[in-house]
Amino acid sequence: MKRAFSRGARGEAPRMKRAFSRGARGGAPRIKMVAVVAPFAFVTACDPVKDVAPRQAPATSLPAVLVLESETRPVAATMWSDLLCELADSIDGASCHRVGDNAIALELDHRRFEPVIAGVGNRSRGGVTARGQMSSGKRVVLGSGFVSEFRPIAPLGLLQIEGTVVSELSNHGYTRIIGLRDGVLDIIGRADYHRGLFTSAMQVGPGVVELGNLDISERELNLPAHFRAFVARCDASTLVGITLKPMHLYHLGGDLLATFEAEDLNCTEVANISGDLEALLAVGAGEQTLYIGDPDSPKASLIGWEQT
């Protein structure tokens, strides 16, 4: 099929080729567009993955609900921190950390929690949900993996689940790999990854903290703020968290480093995972489960923790 567009000068938008050809002098132009448009319509109609229009602006709020047995109650953002800390107090091996004024995190002891990456694949072609993961026995669920803006359950970059590569590593864009081995979550640079290093892994980014130092340029403040979900690798624990409002990663990283110092936490690596409406944190204790983010929205991948 011939190109419908030709590229202009460098930096310019593509120019559409003339869609008409001249007939005899003085005659009407002959239309040549039908043969170009029809194949595109056919491909779109046959594509099994539904495309959606991208969001035009960052979300200004996240849904949150507290599920108590069969009752579901909406939860205002002003209550997220208090409820998460109350739930953490009743979970052996978990503790709560307030990260500045605008984020909250749970610290999960490596001896009491084992991470699992769940996502699309042969067993779950339609994506995974936080509610489904919590119902399967997870105590904590964090999300989510990066996806195409037009295809909300198509993973971008590496997604490996229990040895099976669902999506290949991308050499562009996301610069961190979250990987699981020997029952512990690790965070490494994309360039350090190779096949066989982890049993399960997902590509995320950017890195927020690397080797104990802020890894975000101040130039990031020129970009829109978003709700953020994040994970940190610490000496004897993993820190998982979410922001209470849209934040820049530059400010979040600074608040995390201050929290690590104040709480005497040796957390050397922090990675950002998908934010905005993809940001999600679910925590369950007893008969109560708090979902920050949509519990039923299908995701390409989620990280869960089972209590051991």
Protein backbone atom coordinates (compact mmCIF):
# COMPACT_ATOMS: atom_id res chain seq x y z
CA MET A 1 0.00 0.00 0.00
CA LYS A 2 1.38 3.44 -0.96
CA ARG A 3 2.01 6.04 1.71
CA ALA A 4 -0.80 8.47 2.29
CA PHE A 5 1.64 11.00 3.74
CA SER A 6 5.07 12.33 2.85
CA ARG A 7 7.44 13.97 5.33
CA GLY A 8 8.16 17.66 5.06
CA ALA A 9 11.27 19.46 6.14
CA ARG A 10 12.88 18.27 9.39
CA GLY A 11 10.73 19.21 12.36
CA GLU A 12 7.64 19.83 10.24
CA ALA A 13 4.48 17.79 10.33
CA PRO A 14 4.01 15.27 7.49
CA ARG A 15 2.37 16.68 4.34
CA MET A 16 -0.61 14.86 2.89
CA LYS A 17 -0.05 13.84 -0.70
CA ARG A 18 -2.49 15.16 -3.21
CA ALA A 19 -5.62 13.08 -2.89
CA PHE A 20 -6.88 13.97 -6.34
CA SER A 21 -5.47 13.62 -9.85
CA ARG A 22 -6.42 15.85 -12.69
CA GLY A 23 -8.70 14.57 -15.43
CA ALA A 24 -8.78 16.02 -18.92
CA ARG A 25 -8.31 19.75 -19.09
CA GLY A 26 -11.34 21.38 -17.56
CA GLY A 27 -12.68 18.05 -16.30
CA ALA A 28 -13.43 17.27 -12.66
CA PRO A 29 -10.63 15.76 -10.57
CA ARG A 30 -10.76 12.01 -10.04
CA ILE A 31 -10.92 10.83 -6.41
CA LYS A 32 -8.19 8.31 -5.47
CA MET A 33 -8.74 8.11 -1.70
CA VAL A 34 -10.97 5.06 -1.39
CA ALA A 35 -8.24 2.50 -1.93
CA VAL A 36 -6.14 4.12 0.83
CA VAL A 37 -8.81 4.47 3.48
CA ALA A 38 -10.50 1.11 3.16
CA PRO A 39 -7.57 -1.05 4.34
CA PHE A 40 -7.24 1.06 7.50
CA ALA A 41 -10.91 0.58 8.26
CA PHE A 42 -10.51 -3.15 7.79
CA VAL A 43 -7.51 -3.40 10.13
CA THR A 44 -9.24 -1.40 12.85
CA ALA A 45 -12.38 -3.50 12.69
CA CYS A 46 -10.41 -6.74 13.03
CA ASP A 47 -8.16 -5.64 15.88
CA PRO A 48 -9.12 -7.70 18.99
CA VAL A 49 -7.83 -5.03 21.41
CA LYS A 50 -10.19 -2.11 21.82
CA ASP A 51 -8.63 1.31 21.31
CA VAL A 52 -9.62 4.18 23.56
CA ALA A 53 -9.12 7.92 23.32
CA PRO A 54 -6.24 9.23 25.45
CA ARG A 55 -6.92 11.46 28.42
CA GLN A 56 -6.33 15.14 27.72
CA ALA A 57 -5.45 16.22 31.28
CA PRO A 58 -4.13 14.56 34.47
CA ALA A 59 -6.71 13.27 36.94
CA THR A 60 -7.44 15.55 39.87
CA SER A 61 -8.95 12.81 42.07
CA LEU A 62 -8.81 9.05 42.57
CA PRO A 63 -11.69 6.83 43.62
CA ALA A 64 -11.27 5.15 47.00
CA VAL A 65 -13.53 2.76 48.88
CA LEU A 66 -13.45 0.83 52.14
CA VAL A 67 -15.00 -2.63 51.89
CA LEU A 68 -16.24 -4.03 55.19
CA GLU A 69 -17.70 -7.51 54.66
CA SER A 70 -20.51 -6.82 52.15
CA GLU A 71 -20.66 -3.05 52.72
CA THR A 72 -18.75 -0.59 50.55
CA ARG A 73 -18.15 3.00 51.65
CA PRO A 74 -16.48 5.82 49.68
CA VAL A 75 -13.40 7.28 51.37
CA ALA A 76 -12.27 10.90 51.05
CA ALA A 77 -8.59 11.52 50.30
CA THR A 78 -8.21 13.25 53.67
CA MET A 79 -8.87 9.87 55.35
CA TRP A 80 -6.51 7.68 53.32
CA SER A 81 -3.49 8.07 55.58
CA ASP A 82 -5.35 7.41 58.83
CA LEU A 83 -7.13 4.34 57.44
CA LEU A 84 -3.95 2.87 55.94
CA CYS A 85 -2.10 3.30 59.23
CA GLU A 86 -4.96 1.71 61.18
CA LEU A 87 -4.92 -1.29 58.86
CA ALA A 88 -1.13 -1.57 59.03
CA ASP A 89 -1.27 -1.64 62.83
CA SER A 90 -3.27 -4.88 62.65
CA ILE A 91 -1.00 -6.62 60.10
CA ASP A 92 2.00 -8.51 61.42
CA GLY A 93 5.15 -7.38 59.63
CA ALA A 94 3.66 -4.14 58.24
CA SER A 95 4.11 -0.56 59.37
CA CYS A 96 2.95 2.83 58.13
CA HIS A 97 5.05 5.84 57.12
CA ARG A 98 3.73 9.29 56.25
CA VAL A 99 5.88 10.69 53.46
CA GLY A 100 5.80 14.46 53.83
CA ASP A 101 2.30 15.89 53.70
CA ASN A 102 1.23 14.37 50.39
CA ALA A 103 2.10 10.66 50.31
CA ILE A 104 1.70 7.53 52.39
CA ALA A 105 3.66 4.27 52.38
CA LEU A 106 3.55 0.81 53.93
CA GLU A 107 6.74 -0.96 54.94
CA LEU A 108 6.56 -4.73 54.41
CA ASP A 109 9.04 -6.97 56.22
CA HIS A 110 10.78 -9.40 53.84
CA ARG A 111 10.38 -12.20 56.39
CA ARG A 112 6.58 -11.86 56.46
CA PHE A 113 5.67 -10.90 52.90
CA GLU A 114 6.41 -12.49 49.54
CA PRO A 115 5.84 -10.50 46.32
CA VAL A 116 4.03 -11.77 43.22
CA ILE A 117 3.65 -10.12 39.80
CA ALA A 118 0.32 -10.82 38.11
CA GLY A 119 -0.70 -9.66 34.66
CA VAL A 120 -2.07 -10.36 31.22
CA GLY A 121 -1.16 -13.67 29.63
CA ASN A 122 -2.62 -17.04 28.77
CA ARG A 123 -4.42 -17.24 32.12
CA SER A 124 -5.68 -13.66 32.11
CA ARG A 125 -6.11 -12.21 28.64
CA GLY A 126 -8.49 -9.53 29.89
CA GLY A 127 -6.12 -8.06 32.46
CA VAL A 128 -6.08 -8.31 36.25
CA THR A 129 -7.91 -6.28 38.88
CA ALA A 130 -7.05 -5.24 42.40
CA ARG A 131 -10.24 -6.78 43.76
CA GLY A 132 -9.47 -10.07 42.03
CA GLN A 133 -5.94 -10.14 43.45
CA MET A 134 -7.13 -9.34 46.96
CA SER A 135 -9.78 -12.04 46.68
CA SER A 136 -7.07 -14.55 45.75
CA GLY A 137 -5.29 -14.03 49.05
CA LYS A 138 -3.02 -11.03 48.60
CA ARG A 139 -2.65 -8.76 51.60
CA VAL A 140 -1.33 -5.76 49.65
CA VAL A 141 -1.63 -4.88 45.94
CA LEU A 142 0.21 -2.05 44.17
CA GLY A 143 -0.37 -0.88 40.63
CA SER A 144 0.08 -0.70 37.99
CA GLY A 145 2.35 -1.58 35.08
CA PHE A 146 2.71 0.81 32.16
CA VAL A 147 0.38 0.43 29.20
CA SER A 148 -0.34 2.03 25.86
CA GLU A 149 -2.40 5.17 26.13
CA PHE A 150 -4.69 3.78 23.43
CA ARG A 151 -4.72 0.13 24.60
CA PRO A 152 -5.22 0.05 28.37
CA ILE A 153 -4.25 -3.60 28.97
CA ALA A 154 -1.40 -3.86 26.46
CA PRO A 155 1.87 -3.78 28.46
CA LEU A 156 4.65 -1.43 27.41
CA GLY A 157 8.14 -2.81 27.88
CA LEU A 158 9.13 -5.95 29.72
CA LEU A 159 6.52 -8.08 31.44
CA GLN A 160 7.69 -11.52 32.57
CA ILE A 161 5.48 -13.73 34.73
CA GLU A 162 6.83 -16.91 36.30
CA GLY A 163 9.46 -17.32 33.60
CA THR A 164 7.17 -16.54 30.66
CA VAL A 165 7.90 -13.33 28.75
CA VAL A 166 4.56 -11.72 27.91
CA SER A 167 6.08 -8.50 26.53
CA GLU A 168 9.68 -7.92 25.48
CA LEU A 169 12.11 -5.45 27.02
CA SER A 170 12.02 -1.98 25.47
CA ASN A 171 15.36 -0.26 24.99
CA HIS A 172 13.68 3.14 25.06
CA GLY A 173 11.62 4.97 27.65
CA TYR A 174 11.22 3.27 31.01
CA THR A 175 14.60 2.87 32.69
CA ARG A 176 14.00 0.54 35.66
CA ILE A 177 13.18 -3.13 36.10
CA ILE A 178 11.27 -4.45 39.10
CA GLY A 179 12.22 -8.10 39.46
CA LEU A 180 11.43 -10.94 41.83
CA ARG A 181 13.90 -13.59 42.92
CA ASP A 182 14.22 -15.72 46.03
CA GLY A 183 11.01 -14.21 47.40
CA VAL A 184 12.33 -10.64 47.42
CA LEU A 185 11.64 -7.62 45.21
CA ASP A 186 14.63 -5.91 43.61
CA ILE A 187 14.96 -2.75 41.47
CA ILE A 188 17.71 -2.50 38.86
CA GLY A 189 18.59 -0.38 35.83
CA ARG A 190 17.30 -1.47 32.45
CA ALA A 191 20.85 -1.97 31.17
CA ASP A 192 21.58 -4.45 33.98
CA TYR A 193 18.73 -6.80 33.08
CA HIS A 194 19.22 -10.09 31.26
CA ARG A 195 17.11 -13.17 30.71
CA GLY A 196 17.15 -15.57 33.64
CA LEU A 197 17.95 -12.89 36.22
CA PHE A 198 14.40 -12.88 37.68
CA THR A 199 11.51 -15.30 37.78
CA SER A 200 9.06 -12.42 37.22
CA ALA A 201 9.76 -8.84 36.18
CA MET A 202 8.19 -5.67 34.84
CA GLN A 203 9.67 -2.57 33.23
CA VAL A 204 8.87 0.70 34.99
CA GLY A 205 10.28 4.14 35.51
CA PRO A 206 11.65 6.56 35.80
CA GLY A 207 13.83 5.88 38.78
CA VAL A 208 13.13 8.32 41.60
CA VAL A 209 16.03 7.38 43.88
CA GLU A 210 19.16 5.54 42.75
CA LEU A 211 21.96 4.44 45.06
CA GLY A 212 20.43 6.56 47.79
CA ASN A 213 20.39 9.79 45.77
CA LEU A 214 17.62 11.72 44.03
CA ASP A 215 17.46 10.55 40.42
CA ILE A 216 14.99 13.11 39.05
CA SER A 217 16.00 16.36 37.38
CA GLU A 218 14.44 19.62 38.50
CA ARG A 219 13.30 19.98 34.88
CA GLU A 220 10.57 17.46 35.70
CA LEU A 221 8.74 20.33 37.42
CA ASN A 222 7.91 21.66 33.95
CA LEU A 223 5.71 18.60 33.34
CA PRO A 224 2.19 18.07 34.73
CA ALA A 225 1.82 16.62 38.23
CA HIS A 226 0.10 13.23 38.53
CA PHE A 227 -1.08 10.82 41.19
CA ARG A 228 1.87 8.49 41.78
CA ALA A 229 2.38 4.93 42.93
CA PHE A 230 5.90 3.90 43.92
CA VAL A 231 7.96 1.08 45.36
CA ALA A 232 11.26 1.21 47.27
CA ARG A 233 13.86 -1.48 47.91
CA CYS A 234 15.19 -1.37 51.43
CA ASP A 235 17.63 -3.55 53.39
CA ALA A 236 15.13 -5.81 55.14
CA SER A 237 11.84 -4.58 53.74
CA THR A 238 9.97 -3.17 50.78
CA LEU A 239 8.18 0.18 50.87
CA VAL A 240 5.04 0.58 48.77
CA GLY A 241 3.11 3.82 48.54
CA ILE A 242 0.82 6.24 46.79
CA THR A 243 0.44 10.01 46.74
CA LEU A 244 -2.59 11.70 48.26
CA LYS A 245 -2.79 14.22 45.44
CA PRO A 246 -1.06 14.84 42.09
CA MET A 247 2.68 15.32 42.67
CA HIS A 248 5.87 15.86 40.74
CA LEU A 249 8.40 13.06 41.10
CA TYR A 250 11.05 15.63 42.01
CA HIS A 251 9.11 16.61 45.14
CA LEU A 252 8.11 13.02 45.93
CA GLY A 253 11.75 11.92 45.75
CA GLY A 254 12.82 14.68 48.11
CA ASP A 255 10.09 13.77 50.60
CA LEU A 256 11.06 10.09 50.43
CA LEU A 257 14.74 10.80 51.11
CA ALA A 258 13.75 12.96 54.09
CA THR A 259 11.52 10.15 55.39
CA PHE A 260 14.26 7.55 54.97
CA GLU A 261 16.63 9.69 57.02
CA ALA A 262 14.09 10.54 59.72
CA GLU A 263 12.88 6.93 60.07
CA ASP A 264 16.38 5.40 59.76
CA LEU A 265 15.37 3.42 56.67
CA ASN A 266 18.12 2.24 54.34
CA CYS A 267 16.15 2.36 51.08
CA THR A 268 18.55 2.90 48.19
CA GLU A 269 16.28 2.42 45.17
CA VAL A 270 12.83 3.86 44.41
CA ALA A 271 10.94 3.38 41.15
CA ASN A 272 7.86 5.13 39.87
CA ILE A 273 5.17 2.88 38.44
CA SER A 274 2.22 3.94 36.34
CA GLY A 275 0.37 6.91 37.79
CA ASP A 276 -2.66 9.06 37.15
CA LEU A 277 -5.76 6.83 37.05
CA GLU A 278 -3.53 3.72 36.84
CA ALA A 279 -2.17 4.43 40.34
CA LEU A 280 -3.52 1.96 42.88
CA LEU A 281 -2.89 0.70 46.40
CA ALA A 282 -5.04 -1.91 48.14
CA VAL A 283 -4.55 -3.14 51.70
CA GLY A 284 -6.60 -5.72 53.57
CA ALA A 285 -6.74 -6.58 57.27
CA GLY A 286 -9.37 -8.78 58.87
CA GLU A 287 -12.73 -8.06 57.26
CA GLN A 288 -11.65 -4.66 55.92
CA THR A 289 -10.05 -3.79 52.59
CA LEU A 290 -9.13 -0.28 51.52
CA TYR A 291 -8.82 0.39 47.80
CA ILE A 292 -7.20 3.64 46.68
CA GLY A 293 -7.78 3.63 42.94
CA ASP A 294 -10.36 1.70 40.96
CA PRO A 295 -10.58 -1.87 42.34
CA ASP A 296 -12.29 -3.25 39.22
CA SER A 297 -10.41 -1.55 36.39
CA PRO A 298 -8.44 -4.20 34.41
CA LYS A 299 -4.68 -3.66 34.52
CA ALA A 300 -1.88 -5.09 32.40
CA SER A 301 0.08 -5.93 35.55
CA LEU A 302 -0.03 -5.54 39.33
CA ILE A 303 2.35 -6.38 42.17
CA GLY A 304 0.84 -8.24 45.10
CA TRP A 305 2.21 -9.40 48.46
CA GLU A 306 1.16 -12.56 50.20
CA GLN A 307 1.68 -12.84 53.94
CA THR A 308 3.86 -15.82 54.82
